[in-house]
Amino acid sequence: MAYENLLKSVDESAQERERELLENARVTVESVKKKAREQAELIRQLQISDAEKSAEVEKNKLMYLVKAENKAQLIKIREQLYSSAFNNAGLQLLHLRKDPEYPEIFKKLLVDAAGALGAGTFRIQVDKRDEELCRKTLASVNLHAEIVPDLTSAGGLVASLSDGSVIISNTVESRLERAKERKKLEIYSILSGD
């Protein structure tokens, strides 16, 4: 019986040891599983974070590109409106000679040019259609100048010193072009709503 008790004791001891090993294995497996889940969650969070950052960078890049494209389109539209406005003004000014105020406008253009040239003899180039108006206007303001009807213009004149050293272009076209450049910033500001 002692032998049987010994075998029983060894068997019980072996079973106890087996239970301890199984418990330790279970605890270790649970610990490994827990760490694996934590690492998996950490990796998932890092991947989500990286994906969010990447998506944010891509979104910002696309927003920048869209804004740049919109800005370029807006500039193009402003330029078209600006050019269209001055083209329309130019077309309207083609009929300036028919306006009852044209003789007064011509007189102002002549006096401005003569004042800029100062004293001395000068030459005035006009469109053939304005030759007679130029003679009358010179007489009315007591000025003398050589009149050369070799200009093709919607109106106005080009005045110069006799030696050609100073030339003042006071045609409708040149005045419109100067106004176009002077008013560009102002018009763009209005078109921008600033």
C-alpha atoms as a PDB file:
ATOM      1  CA  MET A   1       0.000   0.000   0.000  1.00  0.00           C
ATOM      2  CA  ALA A   2       2.821   2.370   0.643  1.00  0.00           C
ATOM      3  CA  TYR A   3       3.722   1.851  -2.940  1.00  0.00           C
ATOM      4  CA  GLU A   4       0.216   2.701  -4.025  1.00  0.00           C
ATOM      5  CA  ASN A   5       0.204   5.747  -1.780  1.00  0.00           C
ATOM      6  CA  LEU A   6       3.503   6.775  -3.245  1.00  0.00           C
ATOM      7  CA  LEU A   7       2.166   6.349  -6.783  1.00  0.00           C
ATOM      8  CA  LYS A   8      -0.971   8.184  -5.821  1.00  0.00           C
ATOM      9  CA  SER A   9       1.102  10.957  -4.259  1.00  0.00           C
ATOM     10  CA  VAL A  10       3.342  11.174  -7.353  1.00  0.00           C
ATOM     11  CA  ASP A  11       0.261  11.142  -9.559  1.00  0.00           C
ATOM     12  CA  GLU A  12      -1.376  13.885  -7.512  1.00  0.00           C
ATOM     13  CA  SER A  13       1.857  15.827  -7.493  1.00  0.00           C
ATOM     14  CA  ALA A  14       2.118  15.425 -11.267  1.00  0.00           C
ATOM     15  CA  GLN A  15      -1.470  16.535 -11.690  1.00  0.00           C
ATOM     16  CA  GLU A  16      -0.862  19.532  -9.423  1.00  0.00           C
ATOM     17  CA  ARG A  17       2.251  20.385 -11.403  1.00  0.00           C
ATOM     18  CA  GLU A  18       0.288  19.952 -14.648  1.00  0.00           C
ATOM     19  CA  ARG A  19      -2.433  22.297 -13.329  1.00  0.00           C
ATOM     20  CA  GLU A  20       0.238  24.834 -12.317  1.00  0.00           C
ATOM     21  CA  LEU A  21       1.872  24.600 -15.763  1.00  0.00           C
ATOM     22  CA  LEU A  22      -1.504  24.866 -17.494  1.00  0.00           C
ATOM     23  CA  GLU A  23      -2.422  27.870 -15.318  1.00  0.00           C
ATOM     24  CA  ASN A  24       0.947  29.492 -16.003  1.00  0.00           C
ATOM     25  CA  ALA A  25       0.518  28.742 -19.716  1.00  0.00           C
ATOM     26  CA  ARG A  26      -3.003  30.180 -19.631  1.00  0.00           C
ATOM     27  CA  VAL A  27      -1.787  33.342 -17.821  1.00  0.00           C
ATOM     28  CA  THR A  28       1.115  33.657 -20.262  1.00  0.00           C
ATOM     29  CA  VAL A  29      -1.192  33.140 -23.264  1.00  0.00           C
ATOM     30  CA  GLU A  30      -3.619  35.740 -21.884  1.00  0.00           C
ATOM     31  CA  SER A  31      -0.739  38.139 -21.271  1.00  0.00           C
ATOM     32  CA  VAL A  32       0.625  37.587 -24.793  1.00  0.00           C
ATOM     33  CA  LYS A  33      -2.875  37.989 -26.270  1.00  0.00           C
ATOM     34  CA  LYS A  34      -3.385  41.215 -24.272  1.00  0.00           C
ATOM     35  CA  LYS A  35      -0.016  42.608 -25.407  1.00  0.00           C
ATOM     36  CA  ALA A  36      -0.762  41.551 -28.988  1.00  0.00           C
ATOM     37  CA  ARG A  37      -4.162  43.313 -28.842  1.00  0.00           C
ATOM     38  CA  GLU A  38      -2.534  46.429 -27.367  1.00  0.00           C
ATOM     39  CA  GLN A  39       0.175  46.416 -30.036  1.00  0.00           C
ATOM     40  CA  ALA A  40      -2.411  45.804 -32.752  1.00  0.00           C
ATOM     41  CA  GLU A  41      -4.478  48.722 -31.410  1.00  0.00           C
ATOM     42  CA  LEU A  42      -1.385  50.912 -31.271  1.00  0.00           C
ATOM     43  CA  ILE A  43      -0.468  49.960 -34.847  1.00  0.00           C
ATOM     44  CA  ARG A  44      -4.071  50.582 -35.942  1.00  0.00           C
ATOM     45  CA  GLN A  45      -4.069  54.013 -34.244  1.00  0.00           C
ATOM     46  CA  LEU A  46      -0.728  54.884 -35.869  1.00  0.00           C
ATOM     47  CA  GLN A  47      -2.024  53.805 -39.270  1.00  0.00           C
ATOM     48  CA  ILE A  48      -5.210  55.810 -38.775  1.00  0.00           C
ATOM     49  CA  SER A  49      -3.162  58.814 -37.661  1.00  0.00           C
ATOM     50  CA  ASP A  50      -0.850  58.460 -40.656  1.00  0.00           C
ATOM     51  CA  ALA A  51      -3.827  58.071 -42.978  1.00  0.00           C
ATOM     52  CA  GLU A  52      -5.495  61.156 -41.462  1.00  0.00           C
ATOM     53  CA  LYS A  53      -2.276  63.176 -41.834  1.00  0.00           C
ATOM     54  CA  SER A  54      -1.863  61.979 -45.397  1.00  0.00           C
ATOM     55  CA  ALA A  55      -5.502  62.812 -46.170  1.00  0.00           C
ATOM     56  CA  GLU A  56      -5.081  66.266 -44.575  1.00  0.00           C
ATOM     57  CA  VAL A  57      -1.942  66.942 -46.630  1.00  0.00           C
ATOM     58  CA  GLU A  58      -3.709  65.803 -49.800  1.00  0.00           C
ATOM     59  CA  LYS A  59      -6.766  67.916 -48.919  1.00  0.00           C
ATOM     60  CA  ASN A  60      -4.572  70.981 -48.319  1.00  0.00           C
ATOM     61  CA  LYS A  61      -2.718  70.369 -51.562  1.00  0.00           C
ATOM     62  CA  LEU A  62      -5.974  70.073 -53.498  1.00  0.00           C
ATOM     63  CA  MET A  63      -7.415  73.147 -51.768  1.00  0.00           C
ATOM     64  CA  TYR A  64      -4.289  75.133 -52.690  1.00  0.00           C
ATOM     65  CA  LEU A  65      -4.509  73.981 -56.295  1.00  0.00           C
ATOM     66  CA  VAL A  66      -8.230  74.791 -56.477  1.00  0.00           C
ATOM     67  CA  LYS A  67      -7.665  78.226 -54.930  1.00  0.00           C
ATOM     68  CA  ALA A  68      -4.825  78.914 -57.366  1.00  0.00           C
ATOM     69  CA  GLU A  69      -6.998  77.784 -60.270  1.00  0.00           C
ATOM     70  CA  ASN A  70      -9.910  79.925 -59.057  1.00  0.00           C
ATOM     71  CA  LYS A  71      -7.618  82.911 -58.621  1.00  0.00           C
ATOM     72  CA  ALA A  72      -6.227  82.467 -62.139  1.00  0.00           C
ATOM     73  CA  GLN A  73      -9.762  82.150 -63.510  1.00  0.00           C
ATOM     74  CA  LEU A  74     -10.844  85.265 -61.620  1.00  0.00           C
ATOM     75  CA  ILE A  75      -7.866  87.223 -62.959  1.00  0.00           C
ATOM     76  CA  LYS A  76      -8.723  86.056 -66.469  1.00  0.00           C
ATOM     77  CA  ILE A  77     -12.368  87.133 -66.040  1.00  0.00           C
ATOM     78  CA  ARG A  78     -11.310  90.522 -64.632  1.00  0.00           C
ATOM     79  CA  GLU A  79      -8.952  91.021 -67.563  1.00  0.00           C
ATOM     80  CA  GLN A  80     -11.741  90.132 -69.998  1.00  0.00           C
ATOM     81  CA  LEU A  81     -14.151  92.553 -68.307  1.00  0.00           C
ATOM     82  CA  TYR A  82     -11.487  95.265 -68.214  1.00  0.00           C
ATOM     83  CA  SER A  83     -10.600  94.787 -71.894  1.00  0.00           C
ATOM     84  CA  SER A  84     -14.248  94.572 -72.883  1.00  0.00           C
ATOM     85  CA  ALA A  85     -15.064  97.824 -71.064  1.00  0.00           C
ATOM     86  CA  PHE A  86     -12.272  99.705 -72.821  1.00  0.00           C
ATOM     87  CA  ASN A  87     -13.053  98.107 -76.182  1.00  0.00           C
ATOM     88  CA  ASN A  88     -16.666  99.258 -75.787  1.00  0.00           C
ATOM     89  CA  ALA A  89     -15.481 102.731 -74.808  1.00  0.00           C
ATOM     90  CA  GLY A  90     -13.241 102.791 -77.890  1.00  0.00           C
ATOM     91  CA  LEU A  91     -16.167 101.801 -80.108  1.00  0.00           C
ATOM     92  CA  GLN A  92     -18.338 104.537 -78.608  1.00  0.00           C
ATOM     93  CA  LEU A  93     -15.582 107.102 -79.096  1.00  0.00           C
ATOM     94  CA  LEU A  94     -15.432 106.309 -82.810  1.00  0.00           C
ATOM     95  CA  HIS A  95     -18.567 108.462 -83.117  1.00  0.00           C
ATOM     96  CA  LEU A  96     -17.213 111.355 -81.030  1.00  0.00           C
ATOM     97  CA  ARG A  97     -17.085 113.739 -84.004  1.00  0.00           C
ATOM     98  CA  LYS A  98     -20.891 113.524 -84.266  1.00  0.00           C
ATOM     99  CA  ASP A  99     -21.281 114.714 -80.672  1.00  0.00           C
ATOM    100  CA  PRO A 100     -22.273 118.406 -80.442  1.00  0.00           C
ATOM    101  CA  GLU A 101     -19.645 118.794 -77.699  1.00  0.00           C
ATOM    102  CA  TYR A 102     -16.799 117.642 -79.972  1.00  0.00           C
ATOM    103  CA  PRO A 103     -15.636 121.169 -80.946  1.00  0.00           C
ATOM    104  CA  GLU A 104     -15.251 122.012 -77.231  1.00  0.00           C
ATOM    105  CA  ILE A 105     -13.448 118.710 -76.599  1.00  0.00           C
ATOM    106  CA  PHE A 106     -11.125 119.398 -79.541  1.00  0.00           C
ATOM    107  CA  LYS A 107     -10.442 122.896 -78.225  1.00  0.00           C
ATOM    108  CA  LYS A 108      -9.495 121.511 -74.788  1.00  0.00           C
ATOM    109  CA  LEU A 109      -7.187 118.919 -76.375  1.00  0.00           C
ATOM    110  CA  LEU A 110      -5.531 121.653 -78.478  1.00  0.00           C
ATOM    111  CA  VAL A 111      -5.093 124.070 -75.559  1.00  0.00           C
ATOM    112  CA  ASP A 112      -3.693 121.298 -73.331  1.00  0.00           C
ATOM    113  CA  ALA A 113      -1.160 120.277 -75.987  1.00  0.00           C
ATOM    114  CA  ALA A 114      -0.156 123.871 -76.753  1.00  0.00           C
ATOM    115  CA  GLY A 115       0.264 124.586 -73.039  1.00  0.00           C
ATOM    116  CA  ALA A 116       2.511 121.541 -72.637  1.00  0.00           C
ATOM    117  CA  LEU A 117       4.657 122.616 -75.593  1.00  0.00           C
ATOM    118  CA  GLY A 118       5.067 126.172 -74.267  1.00  0.00           C
ATOM    119  CA  ALA A 119       5.885 129.220 -76.370  1.00  0.00           C
ATOM    120  CA  GLY A 120       7.193 128.925 -79.881  1.00  0.00           C
ATOM    121  CA  THR A 121       6.031 127.592 -83.161  1.00  0.00           C
ATOM    122  CA  PHE A 122       4.585 124.170 -83.339  1.00  0.00           C
ATOM    123  CA  ARG A 123       2.953 121.771 -85.699  1.00  0.00           C
ATOM    124  CA  ILE A 124      -0.401 120.029 -85.361  1.00  0.00           C
ATOM    125  CA  GLN A 125      -1.273 116.754 -87.041  1.00  0.00           C
ATOM    126  CA  VAL A 126      -4.999 116.110 -87.407  1.00  0.00           C
ATOM    127  CA  ASP A 127      -7.352 113.819 -89.258  1.00  0.00           C
ATOM    128  CA  LYS A 128      -8.475 115.398 -92.545  1.00  0.00           C
ATOM    129  CA  ARG A 129     -12.003 115.542 -91.090  1.00  0.00           C
ATOM    130  CA  ASP A 130     -10.768 117.891 -88.323  1.00  0.00           C
ATOM    131  CA  GLU A 131      -8.662 120.250 -90.467  1.00  0.00           C
ATOM    132  CA  GLU A 132     -11.267 123.026 -90.649  1.00  0.00           C
ATOM    133  CA  LEU A 133     -12.197 122.644 -86.968  1.00  0.00           C
ATOM    134  CA  CYS A 134      -8.495 122.949 -86.106  1.00  0.00           C
ATOM    135  CA  ARG A 135      -8.151 126.223 -88.100  1.00  0.00           C
ATOM    136  CA  LYS A 136     -11.210 127.717 -86.384  1.00  0.00           C
ATOM    137  CA  THR A 137     -10.062 126.564 -82.941  1.00  0.00           C
ATOM    138  CA  LEU A 138      -6.530 127.966 -83.404  1.00  0.00           C
ATOM    139  CA  ALA A 139      -8.020 131.309 -84.436  1.00  0.00           C
ATOM    140  CA  SER A 140     -10.442 131.331 -81.489  1.00  0.00           C
ATOM    141  CA  VAL A 141      -7.619 130.833 -78.948  1.00  0.00           C
ATOM    142  CA  ASN A 142      -5.186 133.138 -80.764  1.00  0.00           C
ATOM    143  CA  LEU A 143      -2.585 130.498 -81.586  1.00  0.00           C
ATOM    144  CA  HIS A 144      -0.630 129.904 -84.765  1.00  0.00           C
ATOM    145  CA  ALA A 145       0.596 126.504 -85.896  1.00  0.00           C
ATOM    146  CA  GLU A 146       1.292 124.526 -89.023  1.00  0.00           C
ATOM    147  CA  ILE A 147      -1.625 122.157 -89.652  1.00  0.00           C
ATOM    148  CA  VAL A 148      -0.792 118.797 -91.230  1.00  0.00           C
ATOM    149  CA  PRO A 149      -3.889 116.681 -92.068  1.00  0.00           C
ATOM    150  CA  ASP A 150      -2.058 113.327 -92.237  1.00  0.00           C
ATOM    151  CA  LEU A 151      -3.462 111.642 -89.134  1.00  0.00           C
ATOM    152  CA  THR A 152      -6.055 108.889 -89.055  1.00  0.00           C
ATOM    153  CA  SER A 153      -7.882 109.136 -85.751  1.00  0.00           C
ATOM    154  CA  ALA A 154     -11.294 109.043 -84.089  1.00  0.00           C
ATOM    155  CA  GLY A 155     -10.586 112.613 -83.047  1.00  0.00           C
ATOM    156  CA  GLY A 156      -8.058 114.845 -81.385  1.00  0.00           C
ATOM    157  CA  LEU A 157      -4.587 115.783 -82.522  1.00  0.00           C
ATOM    158  CA  VAL A 158      -0.840 115.304 -82.216  1.00  0.00           C
ATOM    159  CA  ALA A 159       1.119 118.480 -81.485  1.00  0.00           C
ATOM    160  CA  SER A 160       4.877 118.796 -81.707  1.00  0.00           C
ATOM    161  CA  LEU A 161       7.588 121.405 -81.712  1.00  0.00           C
ATOM    162  CA  SER A 162       8.726 122.313 -85.196  1.00  0.00           C
ATOM    163  CA  ASP A 163      11.999 120.427 -84.731  1.00  0.00           C
ATOM    164  CA  GLY A 164      10.102 117.322 -83.534  1.00  0.00           C
ATOM    165  CA  SER A 165      11.939 117.234 -80.191  1.00  0.00           C
ATOM    166  CA  VAL A 166       8.711 117.199 -78.185  1.00  0.00           C
ATOM    167  CA  ILE A 167       5.569 115.390 -79.309  1.00  0.00           C
ATOM    168  CA  ILE A 168       2.229 115.484 -77.464  1.00  0.00           C
ATOM    169  CA  SER A 169      -0.302 112.902 -78.588  1.00  0.00           C
ATOM    170  CA  ASN A 170      -3.780 114.089 -77.678  1.00  0.00           C
ATOM    171  CA  THR A 171      -5.831 111.829 -79.911  1.00  0.00           C
ATOM    172  CA  VAL A 172      -8.923 110.046 -78.656  1.00  0.00           C
ATOM    173  CA  GLU A 173      -7.055 106.745 -78.961  1.00  0.00           C
ATOM    174  CA  SER A 174      -3.957 107.905 -77.062  1.00  0.00           C
ATOM    175  CA  ARG A 175      -6.050 109.477 -74.309  1.00  0.00           C
ATOM    176  CA  LEU A 176      -8.100 106.291 -74.001  1.00  0.00           C
ATOM    177  CA  GLU A 177      -4.893 104.235 -73.765  1.00  0.00           C
ATOM    178  CA  ARG A 178      -3.486 106.526 -71.037  1.00  0.00           C
ATOM    179  CA  ALA A 179      -6.778 106.358 -69.150  1.00  0.00           C
ATOM    180  CA  LYS A 180      -6.728 102.582 -69.504  1.00  0.00           C
ATOM    181  CA  GLU A 181      -3.316 102.378 -67.810  1.00  0.00           C
ATOM    182  CA  ARG A 182      -4.107 105.002 -65.142  1.00  0.00           C
ATOM    183  CA  LYS A 183      -7.441 103.449 -64.217  1.00  0.00           C
ATOM    184  CA  LYS A 184      -6.358  99.802 -64.310  1.00  0.00           C
ATOM    185  CA  LEU A 185      -5.758  99.426 -60.563  1.00  0.00           C
ATOM    186  CA  GLU A 186      -8.919 101.337 -59.715  1.00  0.00           C
ATOM    187  CA  ILE A 187     -11.043  99.229 -62.062  1.00  0.00           C
ATOM    188  CA  TYR A 188      -9.489  95.963 -60.842  1.00  0.00           C
ATOM    189  CA  SER A 189     -10.180  97.074 -57.284  1.00  0.00           C
ATOM    190  CA  ILE A 190     -13.844  97.672 -58.142  1.00  0.00           C
ATOM    191  CA  LEU A 191     -14.053  94.318 -59.941  1.00  0.00           C
ATOM    192  CA  SER A 192     -12.516  92.639 -56.867  1.00  0.00           C
ATOM    193  CA  GLY A 193     -15.002  94.264 -54.554  1.00  0.00           C
ATOM    194  CA  ASP A 194     -12.203  95.877 -52.505  1.00  0.00           C
END
